[in-house]
Amino acid sequence: MKDEITFDDFLKLDIRVGTIIEVNDFPKARKPAYQLSIDFGSLGIKKSSAQITDLYTKEDLLQKQVSAIVNFKPRQIANFKSEVLVLGVYTDDDKVVLLKPSKTIKNGEQVS
């Protein structure tokens, strides 16, 4: 388990739901990854690099809702600027399973 945090620490995270509207291969990434464009409603379209190629095809991801932290500083990954961190769970064999809402909700809604 990681270090204990306070509720105020948690409140600093802005976790939102968005819909993946574009998926591209990312051949310049060190580990296999996709470049995602995600619609976060009033927050606009944000980009993310995601190492999720083991369990998801590009076709699987299109129009899927995901949860992401939207208030991280952008991170340069090769020639791509990743603006949000898509959330997932690592399996025992180091594959990532995405976290998503159990029902479709409005893009940009905040996780609380």
PDB file of N, CA and C in Angstrom:
ATOM      1  N   MET A   1       0.838  -1.172   0.000  1.00  0.00           N
ATOM      2  CA  MET A   1       0.000   0.000   0.000  1.00  0.00           C
ATOM      3  C   MET A   1       0.890   1.245   0.000  1.00  0.00           C
ATOM      4  N   LYS A   2       0.438   2.281  -0.677  1.00  0.00           N
ATOM      5  CA  LYS A   2       1.188   3.531  -0.716  1.00  0.00           C
ATOM      6  C   LYS A   2       0.944   4.331   0.555  1.00  0.00           C
ATOM      7  N   ASP A   3       1.675   5.445   0.675  1.00  0.00           N
ATOM      8  CA  ASP A   3       1.526   6.295   1.853  1.00  0.00           C
ATOM      9  C   ASP A   3       0.094   6.796   1.995  1.00  0.00           C
ATOM     10  N   GLU A   4      -0.343   6.908   3.226  1.00  0.00           N
ATOM     11  CA  GLU A   4      -1.672   7.428   3.516  1.00  0.00           C
ATOM     12  C   GLU A   4      -1.752   8.901   3.111  1.00  0.00           C
ATOM     13  N   ILE A   5      -2.892   9.286   2.553  1.00  0.00           N
ATOM     14  CA  ILE A   5      -3.116  10.687   2.192  1.00  0.00           C
ATOM     15  C   ILE A   5      -4.352  11.197   2.923  1.00  0.00           C
ATOM     16  N   THR A   6      -4.552  12.494   2.873  1.00  0.00           N
ATOM     17  CA  THR A   6      -5.738  13.082   3.501  1.00  0.00           C
ATOM     18  C   THR A   6      -6.828  13.242   2.451  1.00  0.00           C
ATOM     19  N   PHE A   7      -8.038  13.524   2.928  1.00  0.00           N
ATOM     20  CA  PHE A   7      -9.143  13.789   2.017  1.00  0.00           C
ATOM     21  C   PHE A   7      -8.842  15.026   1.171  1.00  0.00           C
ATOM     22  N   ASP A   8      -8.173  16.005   1.759  1.00  0.00           N
ATOM     23  CA  ASP A   8      -7.783  17.210   1.009  1.00  0.00           C
ATOM     24  C   ASP A   8      -6.842  16.861  -0.139  1.00  0.00           C
ATOM     25  N   ASP A   9      -5.955  15.875   0.069  1.00  0.00           N
ATOM     26  CA  ASP A   9      -5.079  15.420  -1.015  1.00  0.00           C
ATOM     27  C   ASP A   9      -5.920  14.843  -2.154  1.00  0.00           C
ATOM     28  N   PHE A  10      -6.911  14.038  -1.806  1.00  0.00           N
ATOM     29  CA  PHE A  10      -7.786  13.438  -2.818  1.00  0.00           C
ATOM     30  C   PHE A  10      -8.528  14.517  -3.600  1.00  0.00           C
ATOM     31  N   LEU A  11      -8.979  15.549  -2.902  1.00  0.00           N
ATOM     32  CA  LEU A  11      -9.746  16.621  -3.549  1.00  0.00           C
ATOM     33  C   LEU A  11      -8.925  17.394  -4.579  1.00  0.00           C
ATOM     34  N   LYS A  12      -7.607  17.294  -4.518  1.00  0.00           N
ATOM     35  CA  LYS A  12      -6.757  17.958  -5.507  1.00  0.00           C
ATOM     36  C   LYS A  12      -6.853  17.286  -6.879  1.00  0.00           C
ATOM     37  N   LEU A  13      -7.253  16.019  -6.916  1.00  0.00           N
ATOM     38  CA  LEU A  13      -7.375  15.295  -8.181  1.00  0.00           C
ATOM     39  C   LEU A  13      -8.688  15.654  -8.856  1.00  0.00           C
ATOM     40  N   ASP A  14      -8.623  15.962 -10.138  1.00  0.00           N
ATOM     41  CA  ASP A  14      -9.825  16.222 -10.922  1.00  0.00           C
ATOM     42  C   ASP A  14     -10.000  15.029 -11.860  1.00  0.00           C
ATOM     43  N   ILE A  15     -10.865  14.112 -11.465  1.00  0.00           N
ATOM     44  CA  ILE A  15     -11.103  12.893 -12.232  1.00  0.00           C
ATOM     45  C   ILE A  15     -12.432  13.060 -12.960  1.00  0.00           C
ATOM     46  N   ARG A  16     -12.387  12.910 -14.267  1.00  0.00           N
ATOM     47  CA  ARG A  16     -13.577  13.120 -15.101  1.00  0.00           C
ATOM     48  C   ARG A  16     -13.801  11.935 -16.015  1.00  0.00           C
ATOM     49  N   VAL A  17     -15.013  11.843 -16.538  1.00  0.00           N
ATOM     50  CA  VAL A  17     -15.375  10.813 -17.502  1.00  0.00           C
ATOM     51  C   VAL A  17     -15.422  11.447 -18.887  1.00  0.00           C
ATOM     52  N   GLY A  18     -14.847  10.740 -19.848  1.00  0.00           N
ATOM     53  CA  GLY A  18     -14.869  11.199 -21.228  1.00  0.00           C
ATOM     54  C   GLY A  18     -15.040  10.029 -22.181  1.00  0.00           C
ATOM     55  N   THR A  19     -15.331  10.351 -23.420  1.00  0.00           N
ATOM     56  CA  THR A  19     -15.533   9.336 -24.456  1.00  0.00           C
ATOM     57  C   THR A  19     -14.380   9.394 -25.453  1.00  0.00           C
ATOM     58  N   ILE A  20     -13.793   8.241 -25.711  1.00  0.00           N
ATOM     59  CA  ILE A  20     -12.698   8.155 -26.690  1.00  0.00           C
ATOM     60  C   ILE A  20     -13.290   8.344 -28.081  1.00  0.00           C
ATOM     61  N   ILE A  21     -12.772   9.355 -28.789  1.00  0.00           N
ATOM     62  CA  ILE A  21     -13.304   9.654 -30.128  1.00  0.00           C
ATOM     63  C   ILE A  21     -12.302   9.367 -31.244  1.00  0.00           C
ATOM     64  N   GLU A  22     -11.039   9.139 -30.871  1.00  0.00           N
ATOM     65  CA  GLU A  22     -10.029   8.807 -31.876  1.00  0.00           C
ATOM     66  C   GLU A  22      -8.929   7.980 -31.220  1.00  0.00           C
ATOM     67  N   VAL A  23      -8.461   6.965 -31.946  1.00  0.00           N
ATOM     68  CA  VAL A  23      -7.381   6.097 -31.463  1.00  0.00           C
ATOM     69  C   VAL A  23      -6.387   5.900 -32.591  1.00  0.00           C
ATOM     70  N   ASN A  24      -5.112   6.169 -32.282  1.00  0.00           N
ATOM     71  CA  ASN A  24      -4.049   5.977 -33.266  1.00  0.00           C
ATOM     72  C   ASN A  24      -2.919   5.159 -32.660  1.00  0.00           C
ATOM     73  N   ASP A  25      -2.233   4.400 -33.508  1.00  0.00           N
ATOM     74  CA  ASP A  25      -1.026   3.713 -33.061  1.00  0.00           C
ATOM     75  C   ASP A  25       0.007   4.757 -32.652  1.00  0.00           C
ATOM     76  N   PHE A  26       0.907   4.370 -31.762  1.00  0.00           N
ATOM     77  CA  PHE A  26       1.950   5.286 -31.291  1.00  0.00           C
ATOM     78  C   PHE A  26       3.298   4.584 -31.438  1.00  0.00           C
ATOM     79  N   PRO A  27       3.816   4.493 -32.671  1.00  0.00           N
ATOM     80  CA  PRO A  27       5.047   3.732 -32.917  1.00  0.00           C
ATOM     81  C   PRO A  27       6.292   4.307 -32.244  1.00  0.00           C
ATOM     82  N   LYS A  28       6.302   5.602 -31.883  1.00  0.00           N
ATOM     83  CA  LYS A  28       7.485   6.195 -31.255  1.00  0.00           C
ATOM     84  C   LYS A  28       7.527   5.982 -29.741  1.00  0.00           C
ATOM     85  N   ALA A  29       6.480   5.437 -29.165  1.00  0.00           N
ATOM     86  CA  ALA A  29       6.478   5.161 -27.723  1.00  0.00           C
ATOM     87  C   ALA A  29       7.444   4.019 -27.430  1.00  0.00           C
ATOM     88  N   ARG A  30       8.082   4.067 -26.244  1.00  0.00           N
ATOM     89  CA  ARG A  30       9.031   3.004 -25.864  1.00  0.00           C
ATOM     90  C   ARG A  30       8.331   1.663 -25.683  1.00  0.00           C
ATOM     91  N   LYS A  31       7.161   1.696 -25.053  1.00  0.00           N
ATOM     92  CA  LYS A  31       6.349   0.486 -24.878  1.00  0.00           C
ATOM     93  C   LYS A  31       5.115   0.640 -25.761  1.00  0.00           C
ATOM     94  N   PRO A  32       4.549  -0.467 -26.242  1.00  0.00           N
ATOM     95  CA  PRO A  32       3.373  -0.370 -27.109  1.00  0.00           C
ATOM     96  C   PRO A  32       2.272   0.476 -26.462  1.00  0.00           C
ATOM     97  N   ALA A  33       1.750   1.431 -27.238  1.00  0.00           N
ATOM     98  CA  ALA A  33       0.744   2.354 -26.717  1.00  0.00           C
ATOM     99  C   ALA A  33      -0.121   2.886 -27.853  1.00  0.00           C
ATOM    100  N   TYR A  34      -1.246   3.470 -27.460  1.00  0.00           N
ATOM    101  CA  TYR A  34      -2.104   4.200 -28.382  1.00  0.00           C
ATOM    102  C   TYR A  34      -2.081   5.677 -28.027  1.00  0.00           C
ATOM    103  N   GLN A  35      -2.351   6.502 -29.011  1.00  0.00           N
ATOM    104  CA  GLN A  35      -2.628   7.921 -28.798  1.00  0.00           C
ATOM    105  C   GLN A  35      -4.147   8.064 -28.833  1.00  0.00           C
ATOM    106  N   LEU A  36      -4.705   8.576 -27.746  1.00  0.00           N
ATOM    107  CA  LEU A  36      -6.150   8.713 -27.631  1.00  0.00           C
ATOM    108  C   LEU A  36      -6.551  10.176 -27.680  1.00  0.00           C
ATOM    109  N   SER A  37      -7.675  10.461 -28.318  1.00  0.00           N
ATOM    110  CA  SER A  37      -8.350  11.753 -28.215  1.00  0.00           C
ATOM    111  C   SER A  37      -9.644  11.478 -27.472  1.00  0.00           C
ATOM    112  N   ILE A  38      -9.852  12.211 -26.378  1.00  0.00           N
ATOM    113  CA  ILE A  38     -10.982  11.936 -25.494  1.00  0.00           C
ATOM    114  C   ILE A  38     -11.822  13.194 -25.337  1.00  0.00           C
ATOM    115  N   ASP A  39     -13.127  13.068 -25.545  1.00  0.00           N
ATOM    116  CA  ASP A  39     -14.062  14.184 -25.417  1.00  0.00           C
ATOM    117  C   ASP A  39     -14.525  14.282 -23.966  1.00  0.00           C
ATOM    118  N   PHE A  40     -14.153  15.397 -23.323  1.00  0.00           N
ATOM    119  CA  PHE A  40     -14.555  15.644 -21.941  1.00  0.00           C
ATOM    120  C   PHE A  40     -15.626  16.742 -21.857  1.00  0.00           C
ATOM    121  N   GLY A  41     -16.500  16.804 -22.833  1.00  0.00           N
ATOM    122  CA  GLY A  41     -17.607  17.758 -22.809  1.00  0.00           C
ATOM    123  C   GLY A  41     -17.113  19.183 -22.751  1.00  0.00           C
ATOM    124  N   SER A  42     -17.550  19.923 -21.718  1.00  0.00           N
ATOM    125  CA  SER A  42     -17.215  21.348 -21.604  1.00  0.00           C
ATOM    126  C   SER A  42     -15.712  21.597 -21.422  1.00  0.00           C
ATOM    127  N   LEU A  43     -14.953  20.569 -21.016  1.00  0.00           N
ATOM    128  CA  LEU A  43     -13.498  20.711 -20.877  1.00  0.00           C
ATOM    129  C   LEU A  43     -12.789  20.588 -22.225  1.00  0.00           C
ATOM    130  N   GLY A  44     -13.495  20.115 -23.225  1.00  0.00           N
ATOM    131  CA  GLY A  44     -12.919  19.973 -24.552  1.00  0.00           C
ATOM    132  C   GLY A  44     -12.329  18.595 -24.800  1.00  0.00           C
ATOM    133  N   ILE A  45     -11.616  18.491 -25.886  1.00  0.00           N
ATOM    134  CA  ILE A  45     -10.978  17.231 -26.281  1.00  0.00           C
ATOM    135  C   ILE A  45      -9.544  17.254 -25.781  1.00  0.00           C
ATOM    136  N   LYS A  46      -9.171  16.204 -25.066  1.00  0.00           N
ATOM    137  CA  LYS A  46      -7.832  16.080 -24.493  1.00  0.00           C
ATOM    138  C   LYS A  46      -7.163  14.842 -25.082  1.00  0.00           C
ATOM    139  N   LYS A  47      -5.832  14.884 -25.105  1.00  0.00           N
ATOM    140  CA  LYS A  47      -5.029  13.778 -25.646  1.00  0.00           C
ATOM    141  C   LYS A  47      -4.389  12.983 -24.514  1.00  0.00           C
ATOM    142  N   SER A  48      -4.203  11.685 -24.761  1.00  0.00           N
ATOM    143  CA  SER A  48      -3.533  10.835 -23.786  1.00  0.00           C
ATOM    144  C   SER A  48      -2.792   9.715 -24.507  1.00  0.00           C
ATOM    145  N   SER A  49      -1.643   9.352 -23.977  1.00  0.00           N
ATOM    146  CA  SER A  49      -0.922   8.165 -24.413  1.00  0.00           C
ATOM    147  C   SER A  49      -1.270   7.065 -23.419  1.00  0.00           C
ATOM    148  N   ALA A  50      -1.673   5.898 -23.926  1.00  0.00           N
ATOM    149  CA  ALA A  50      -2.104   4.828 -23.026  1.00  0.00           C
ATOM    150  C   ALA A  50      -1.516   3.494 -23.464  1.00  0.00           C
ATOM    151  N   GLN A  51      -0.860   2.821 -22.516  1.00  0.00           N
ATOM    152  CA  GLN A  51      -0.257   1.510 -22.769  1.00  0.00           C
ATOM    153  C   GLN A  51      -1.303   0.420 -22.516  1.00  0.00           C
ATOM    154  N   ILE A  52      -2.248   0.329 -23.439  1.00  0.00           N
ATOM    155  CA  ILE A  52      -3.378  -0.587 -23.263  1.00  0.00           C
ATOM    156  C   ILE A  52      -3.564  -1.496 -24.476  1.00  0.00           C
ATOM    157  N   THR A  53      -2.497  -1.680 -25.247  1.00  0.00           N
ATOM    158  CA  THR A  53      -2.607  -2.447 -26.489  1.00  0.00           C
ATOM    159  C   THR A  53      -2.767  -3.947 -26.271  1.00  0.00           C
ATOM    160  N   ASP A  54      -2.420  -4.443 -25.086  1.00  0.00           N
ATOM    161  CA  ASP A  54      -2.525  -5.887 -24.828  1.00  0.00           C
ATOM    162  C   ASP A  54      -3.967  -6.380 -24.802  1.00  0.00           C
ATOM    163  N   LEU A  55      -4.851  -5.586 -24.233  1.00  0.00           N
ATOM    164  CA  LEU A  55      -6.232  -6.043 -24.040  1.00  0.00           C
ATOM    165  C   LEU A  55      -7.258  -5.339 -24.918  1.00  0.00           C
ATOM    166  N   TYR A  56      -6.853  -4.251 -25.599  1.00  0.00           N
ATOM    167  CA  TYR A  56      -7.814  -3.454 -26.359  1.00  0.00           C
ATOM    168  C   TYR A  56      -7.310  -3.189 -27.774  1.00  0.00           C
ATOM    169  N   THR A  57      -8.199  -3.364 -28.746  1.00  0.00           N
ATOM    170  CA  THR A  57      -7.897  -2.952 -30.111  1.00  0.00           C
ATOM    171  C   THR A  57      -8.377  -1.508 -30.284  1.00  0.00           C
ATOM    172  N   LYS A  58      -7.958  -0.883 -31.342  1.00  0.00           N
ATOM    173  CA  LYS A  58      -8.416   0.479 -31.627  1.00  0.00           C
ATOM    174  C   LYS A  58      -9.943   0.501 -31.771  1.00  0.00           C
ATOM    175  N   GLU A  59     -10.474  -0.512 -32.418  1.00  0.00           N
ATOM    176  CA  GLU A  59     -11.921  -0.588 -32.628  1.00  0.00           C
ATOM    177  C   GLU A  59     -12.666  -0.767 -31.296  1.00  0.00           C
ATOM    178  N   ASP A  60     -12.074  -1.546 -30.370  1.00  0.00           N
ATOM    179  CA  ASP A  60     -12.692  -1.736 -29.050  1.00  0.00           C
ATOM    180  C   ASP A  60     -12.846  -0.419 -28.308  1.00  0.00           C
ATOM    181  N   LEU A  61     -11.888   0.483 -28.492  1.00  0.00           N
ATOM    182  CA  LEU A  61     -11.813   1.701 -27.694  1.00  0.00           C
ATOM    183  C   LEU A  61     -12.699   2.832 -28.202  1.00  0.00           C
ATOM    184  N   LEU A  62     -12.950   2.864 -29.494  1.00  0.00           N
ATOM    185  CA  LEU A  62     -13.747   3.965 -30.045  1.00  0.00           C
ATOM    186  C   LEU A  62     -15.125   4.029 -29.404  1.00  0.00           C
ATOM    187  N   GLN A  63     -15.497   5.217 -28.968  1.00  0.00           N
ATOM    188  CA  GLN A  63     -16.783   5.513 -28.342  1.00  0.00           C
ATOM    189  C   GLN A  63     -16.948   4.896 -26.950  1.00  0.00           C
ATOM    190  N   LYS A  64     -15.863   4.414 -26.356  1.00  0.00           N
ATOM    191  CA  LYS A  64     -15.903   3.897 -24.981  1.00  0.00           C
ATOM    192  C   LYS A  64     -15.678   5.037 -24.006  1.00  0.00           C
ATOM    193  N   GLN A  65     -16.410   5.027 -22.905  1.00  0.00           N
ATOM    194  CA  GLN A  65     -16.175   6.013 -21.863  1.00  0.00           C
ATOM    195  C   GLN A  65     -15.083   5.503 -20.932  1.00  0.00           C
ATOM    196  N   VAL A  66     -14.236   6.430 -20.492  1.00  0.00           N
ATOM    197  CA  VAL A  66     -13.144   6.118 -19.578  1.00  0.00           C
ATOM    198  C   VAL A  66     -13.086   7.190 -18.499  1.00  0.00           C
ATOM    199  N   SER A  67     -12.388   6.867 -17.426  1.00  0.00           N
ATOM    200  CA  SER A  67     -12.120   7.833 -16.364  1.00  0.00           C
ATOM    201  C   SER A  67     -10.671   8.282 -16.508  1.00  0.00           C
ATOM    202  N   ALA A  68     -10.432   9.566 -16.248  1.00  0.00           N
ATOM    203  CA  ALA A  68      -9.075  10.094 -16.387  1.00  0.00           C
ATOM    204  C   ALA A  68      -8.856  11.257 -15.427  1.00  0.00           C
ATOM    205  N   ILE A  69      -7.609  11.407 -15.003  1.00  0.00           N
ATOM    206  CA  ILE A  69      -7.224  12.579 -14.225  1.00  0.00           C
ATOM    207  C   ILE A  69      -6.903  13.671 -15.241  1.00  0.00           C
ATOM    208  N   VAL A  70      -7.625  14.784 -15.147  1.00  0.00           N
ATOM    209  CA  VAL A  70      -7.495  15.831 -16.166  1.00  0.00           C
ATOM    210  C   VAL A  70      -6.656  17.023 -15.715  1.00  0.00           C
ATOM    211  N   ASN A  71      -6.210  17.019 -14.449  1.00  0.00           N
ATOM    212  CA  ASN A  71      -5.444  18.191 -13.984  1.00  0.00           C
ATOM    213  C   ASN A  71      -3.972  17.885 -13.703  1.00  0.00           C
ATOM    214  N   PHE A  72      -3.424  16.863 -14.345  1.00  0.00           N
ATOM    215  CA  PHE A  72      -1.981  16.659 -14.327  1.00  0.00           C
ATOM    216  C   PHE A  72      -1.338  17.645 -15.293  1.00  0.00           C
ATOM    217  N   LYS A  73      -0.092  18.014 -15.034  1.00  0.00           N
ATOM    218  CA  LYS A  73       0.640  18.804 -16.016  1.00  0.00           C
ATOM    219  C   LYS A  73       0.853  17.930 -17.245  1.00  0.00           C
ATOM    220  N   PRO A  74       0.729  18.499 -18.454  1.00  0.00           N
ATOM    221  CA  PRO A  74       0.972  17.708 -19.663  1.00  0.00           C
ATOM    222  C   PRO A  74       2.375  17.098 -19.637  1.00  0.00           C
ATOM    223  N   ARG A  75       2.473  15.917 -20.238  1.00  0.00           N
ATOM    224  CA  ARG A  75       3.743  15.184 -20.244  1.00  0.00           C
ATOM    225  C   ARG A  75       4.124  14.864 -21.682  1.00  0.00           C
ATOM    226  N   GLN A  76       5.343  15.221 -22.044  1.00  0.00           N
ATOM    227  CA  GLN A  76       5.842  14.938 -23.393  1.00  0.00           C
ATOM    228  C   GLN A  76       6.307  13.486 -23.452  1.00  0.00           C
ATOM    229  N   ILE A  77       5.732  12.722 -24.363  1.00  0.00           N
ATOM    230  CA  ILE A  77       6.117  11.331 -24.569  1.00  0.00           C
ATOM    231  C   ILE A  77       6.491  11.204 -26.046  1.00  0.00           C
ATOM    232  N   ALA A  78       7.788  11.072 -26.299  1.00  0.00           N
ATOM    233  CA  ALA A  78       8.319  11.097 -27.673  1.00  0.00           C
ATOM    234  C   ALA A  78       7.841  12.385 -28.338  1.00  0.00           C
ATOM    235  N   ASN A  79       7.128  12.272 -29.449  1.00  0.00           N
ATOM    236  CA  ASN A  79       6.674  13.456 -30.183  1.00  0.00           C
ATOM    237  C   ASN A  79       5.219  13.829 -29.862  1.00  0.00           C
ATOM    238  N   PHE A  80       4.719  13.374 -28.725  1.00  0.00           N
ATOM    239  CA  PHE A  80       3.292  13.510 -28.383  1.00  0.00           C
ATOM    240  C   PHE A  80       3.138  14.113 -26.994  1.00  0.00           C
ATOM    241  N   LYS A  81       2.233  15.064 -26.857  1.00  0.00           N
ATOM    242  CA  LYS A  81       1.958  15.659 -25.546  1.00  0.00           C
ATOM    243  C   LYS A  81       0.712  15.007 -24.957  1.00  0.00           C
ATOM    244  N   SER A  82       0.909  14.266 -23.855  1.00  0.00           N
ATOM    245  CA  SER A  82      -0.188  13.608 -23.156  1.00  0.00           C
ATOM    246  C   SER A  82      -0.725  14.567 -22.100  1.00  0.00           C
ATOM    247  N   GLU A  83      -2.014  14.898 -22.213  1.00  0.00           N
ATOM    248  CA  GLU A  83      -2.615  15.920 -21.359  1.00  0.00           C
ATOM    249  C   GLU A  83      -3.368  15.356 -20.155  1.00  0.00           C
ATOM    250  N   VAL A  84      -3.811  14.114 -20.251  1.00  0.00           N
ATOM    251  CA  VAL A  84      -4.578  13.494 -19.162  1.00  0.00           C
ATOM    252  C   VAL A  84      -4.060  12.086 -18.911  1.00  0.00           C
ATOM    253  N   LEU A  85      -4.340  11.563 -17.711  1.00  0.00           N
ATOM    254  CA  LEU A  85      -3.949  10.203 -17.365  1.00  0.00           C
ATOM    255  C   LEU A  85      -5.199   9.332 -17.285  1.00  0.00           C
ATOM    256  N   VAL A  86      -5.329   8.419 -18.245  1.00  0.00           N
ATOM    257  CA  VAL A  86      -6.448   7.487 -18.254  1.00  0.00           C
ATOM    258  C   VAL A  86      -6.212   6.463 -17.147  1.00  0.00           C
ATOM    259  N   LEU A  87      -7.256   6.174 -16.383  1.00  0.00           N
ATOM    260  CA  LEU A  87      -7.112   5.294 -15.227  1.00  0.00           C
ATOM    261  C   LEU A  87      -7.408   3.836 -15.569  1.00  0.00           C
ATOM    262  N   GLY A  88      -6.598   2.964 -14.996  1.00  0.00           N
ATOM    263  CA  GLY A  88      -6.772   1.539 -15.193  1.00  0.00           C
ATOM    264  C   GLY A  88      -6.156   0.769 -14.047  1.00  0.00           C
ATOM    265  N   VAL A  89      -6.351  -0.532 -14.085  1.00  0.00           N
ATOM    266  CA  VAL A  89      -5.833  -1.436 -13.056  1.00  0.00           C
ATOM    267  C   VAL A  89      -4.885  -2.418 -13.722  1.00  0.00           C
ATOM    268  N   TYR A  90      -3.686  -2.571 -13.134  1.00  0.00           N
ATOM    269  CA  TYR A  90      -2.749  -3.571 -13.634  1.00  0.00           C
ATOM    270  C   TYR A  90      -3.175  -4.951 -13.152  1.00  0.00           C
ATOM    271  N   THR A  91      -3.214  -5.909 -14.084  1.00  0.00           N
ATOM    272  CA  THR A  91      -3.503  -7.294 -13.732  1.00  0.00           C
ATOM    273  C   THR A  91      -2.213  -7.958 -13.256  1.00  0.00           C
ATOM    274  N   ASP A  92      -2.314  -9.183 -12.794  1.00  0.00           N
ATOM    275  CA  ASP A  92      -1.139  -9.927 -12.323  1.00  0.00           C
ATOM    276  C   ASP A  92      -0.089 -10.102 -13.418  1.00  0.00           C
ATOM    277  N   ASP A  93      -0.525 -10.108 -14.680  1.00  0.00           N
ATOM    278  CA  ASP A  93       0.427 -10.266 -15.784  1.00  0.00           C
ATOM    279  C   ASP A  93       0.751  -8.926 -16.462  1.00  0.00           C
ATOM    280  N   ASP A  94       0.623  -7.820 -15.710  1.00  0.00           N
ATOM    281  CA  ASP A  94       1.011  -6.467 -16.144  1.00  0.00           C
ATOM    282  C   ASP A  94       0.260  -5.941 -17.359  1.00  0.00           C
ATOM    283  N   LYS A  95      -0.986  -6.339 -17.501  1.00  0.00           N
ATOM    284  CA  LYS A  95      -1.848  -5.765 -18.526  1.00  0.00           C
ATOM    285  C   LYS A  95      -2.785  -4.780 -17.829  1.00  0.00           C
ATOM    286  N   VAL A  96      -3.234  -3.764 -18.569  1.00  0.00           N
ATOM    287  CA  VAL A  96      -4.071  -2.728 -17.973  1.00  0.00           C
ATOM    288  C   VAL A  96      -5.534  -2.910 -18.382  1.00  0.00           C
ATOM    289  N   VAL A  97      -6.405  -2.940 -17.369  1.00  0.00           N
ATOM    290  CA  VAL A  97      -7.853  -2.964 -17.572  1.00  0.00           C
ATOM    291  C   VAL A  97      -8.371  -1.569 -17.228  1.00  0.00           C
ATOM    292  N   LEU A  98      -9.060  -0.941 -18.167  1.00  0.00           N
ATOM    293  CA  LEU A  98      -9.528   0.427 -17.979  1.00  0.00           C
ATOM    294  C   LEU A  98     -10.645   0.515 -16.943  1.00  0.00           C
ATOM    295  N   LEU A  99     -10.648   1.628 -16.201  1.00  0.00           N
ATOM    296  CA  LEU A  99     -11.747   1.937 -15.296  1.00  0.00           C
ATOM    297  C   LEU A  99     -12.758   2.781 -16.065  1.00  0.00           C
ATOM    298  N   LYS A 100     -14.011   2.388 -15.989  1.00  0.00           N
ATOM    299  CA  LYS A 100     -15.045   3.124 -16.711  1.00  0.00           C
ATOM    300  C   LYS A 100     -16.339   3.072 -15.925  1.00  0.00           C
ATOM    301  N   PRO A 101     -17.236   4.026 -16.190  1.00  0.00           N
ATOM    302  CA  PRO A 101     -18.512   4.007 -15.480  1.00  0.00           C
ATOM    303  C   PRO A 101     -19.344   2.794 -15.900  1.00  0.00           C
ATOM    304  N   SER A 102     -20.191   2.331 -14.992  1.00  0.00           N
ATOM    305  CA  SER A 102     -21.027   1.170 -15.301  1.00  0.00           C
ATOM    306  C   SER A 102     -22.233   1.550 -16.165  1.00  0.00           C
ATOM    307  N   LYS A 103     -22.542   2.845 -16.240  1.00  0.00           N
ATOM    308  CA  LYS A 103     -23.607   3.342 -17.106  1.00  0.00           C
ATOM    309  C   LYS A 103     -23.071   4.549 -17.868  1.00  0.00           C
ATOM    310  N   THR A 104     -23.612   4.797 -19.051  1.00  0.00           N
ATOM    311  CA  THR A 104     -23.193   5.946 -19.841  1.00  0.00           C
ATOM    312  C   THR A 104     -23.631   7.226 -19.145  1.00  0.00           C
ATOM    313  N   ILE A 105     -22.694   8.159 -19.013  1.00  0.00           N
ATOM    314  CA  ILE A 105     -23.006   9.448 -18.406  1.00  0.00           C
ATOM    315  C   ILE A 105     -22.468  10.568 -19.285  1.00  0.00           C
ATOM    316  N   LYS A 106     -22.846  11.783 -18.961  1.00  0.00           N
ATOM    317  CA  LYS A 106     -22.448  12.959 -19.733  1.00  0.00           C
ATOM    318  C   LYS A 106     -20.931  13.141 -19.667  1.00  0.00           C
ATOM    319  N   ASN A 107     -20.299  13.393 -20.828  1.00  0.00           N
ATOM    320  CA  ASN A 107     -18.865  13.645 -20.870  1.00  0.00           C
ATOM    321  C   ASN A 107     -18.506  14.850 -19.999  1.00  0.00           C
ATOM    322  N   GLY A 108     -17.425  14.712 -19.265  1.00  0.00           N
ATOM    323  CA  GLY A 108     -16.953  15.796 -18.410  1.00  0.00           C
ATOM    324  C   GLY A 108     -17.441  15.708 -16.972  1.00  0.00           C
ATOM    325  N   GLU A 109     -18.352  14.777 -16.692  1.00  0.00           N
ATOM    326  CA  GLU A 109     -18.831  14.644 -15.309  1.00  0.00           C
ATOM    327  C   GLU A 109     -17.670  14.256 -14.407  1.00  0.00           C
ATOM    328  N   GLN A 110     -17.685  14.801 -13.214  1.00  0.00           N
ATOM    329  CA  GLN A 110     -16.586  14.616 -12.263  1.00  0.00           C
ATOM    330  C   GLN A 110     -16.834  13.402 -11.369  1.00  0.00           C
ATOM    331  N   VAL A 111     -15.779  12.626 -11.171  1.00  0.00           N
ATOM    332  CA  VAL A 111     -15.815  11.490 -10.260  1.00  0.00           C
ATOM    333  C   VAL A 111     -15.639  12.027  -8.845  1.00  0.00           C
ATOM    334  N   SER A 112     -16.488  11.568  -7.944  1.00  0.00           N
ATOM    335  CA  SER A 112     -16.374  12.042  -6.555  1.00  0.00           C
ATOM    336  C   SER A 112     -16.509  10.898  -5.580  1.00  0.00           C
TER     337      SER A 112
END
